[in-house]
Amino acid sequence: MDKIAVLIPCYNESKTIKKVIEDFKRELPEATIYVYDNNSSDNTAEIAKKAGAIVRTERKQGKGNVIRTMFREIDAECYIMTDGDDTYPAEDAKKMCKEILENNVDMVIGDRLSSTYFEENKRPFHNIGNVIVRLLINMIYKSKIRDVMTGYRAFSYRFVKTFPVLSKGFEIETEMTIHSLDKNLNLENVTIEYRDRPEGSSSKLNTYVDGAKVIKTIISLYKNYKPLSFFLWLAILLVIIGTIFLIPVLLEFYKTGLVPKMPTFMASIFFFICATQSFFGGLILQTIVEKDKRQFEITLNEYEDKFKKLKE
């Protein structure tokens, strides 16, 4: 088992990967550095190997797929996840590791938004998207996460081995955050410096496509983690629609004692039935979720015991 494992998922980062590896070797000399090449068409893997990293390959395209493989294959007391594009300074890694190794934190979030992100990032829609996602998640989960989509994080062994990676792409960071909030894990925000990509290095993130995937992920995870709340709001919406259909029918009945708009009346009844089904469906699913949470606590304890044995 490694003391500290630095995890670097890479796709075409030949211009920056050497510097990233050298920076982390300087700041965390005790760490083992892993670079997982995700079908790069340049010589990223060769450069990383020469720089002293352990290089492995993940054939399934997408950051989520890479992280799934990393988490399965590597055992460590503390994990640092960073990008290979040299946007996250290695100098911040020590304080993030300290939270994991000394303060029993499960995930440390490298907070860019409280420091230099808005000055350094030259893509305004990325900035707006980060703020919207943060506000949305903090509102839903009543949390104080300062940066939801940062790629600079530290993890404990028990987090890595119990986190179910479902996302395939860049929405993985959002999934990590929501999972941690839902399972009441120990989280810590650590302010980090952020610098934009160096000249000649291009982002793999598509503002609109990946932004839509992130929003879709939030909605999907909200449904899965908080089904009663999700389906209750859906039920309320259906009741409102049903009421809109029903009002003119009731007014006509009050005036004439007749129901000439029978299709409209039936449509309103249909929406009320759907609302009832939505509410009780959410109630049943919430019971299942609560049962899963209890099972998760048992799994956490099992991995804590396994972790202690691995350290011995």
Foldseek 3Di string as FASTA:
>chain_A
DAAEEEEEEDAQLQVFQLVVLVQLCVQPVSYAYEYEYAPHPDPNQVSNVVSPHHYHYDPQDAPLSSLLVVLVPDAYQKYKFDYRQPFFGSNQVVVQSCCSPPVVAFKEAAAAPVACCVVADPDVLVVVLQVVLQVVLCVLLVDDDRTQQHRTMMGGNLLSVLQDRDDGHSLRSNSSVLVCSLLVGGYHYDYGHTHDGDPPDDDPDDSPVVSVVNVVVVLVVCCQSQVLVNLLVVLVVLLVVLVVLCVVQVVVCVVPVDRPPVVSNVSSVVSNVSSVVSNVVSVVSVVVNVVVSVVSVVSSVVVVVVSVVVVD
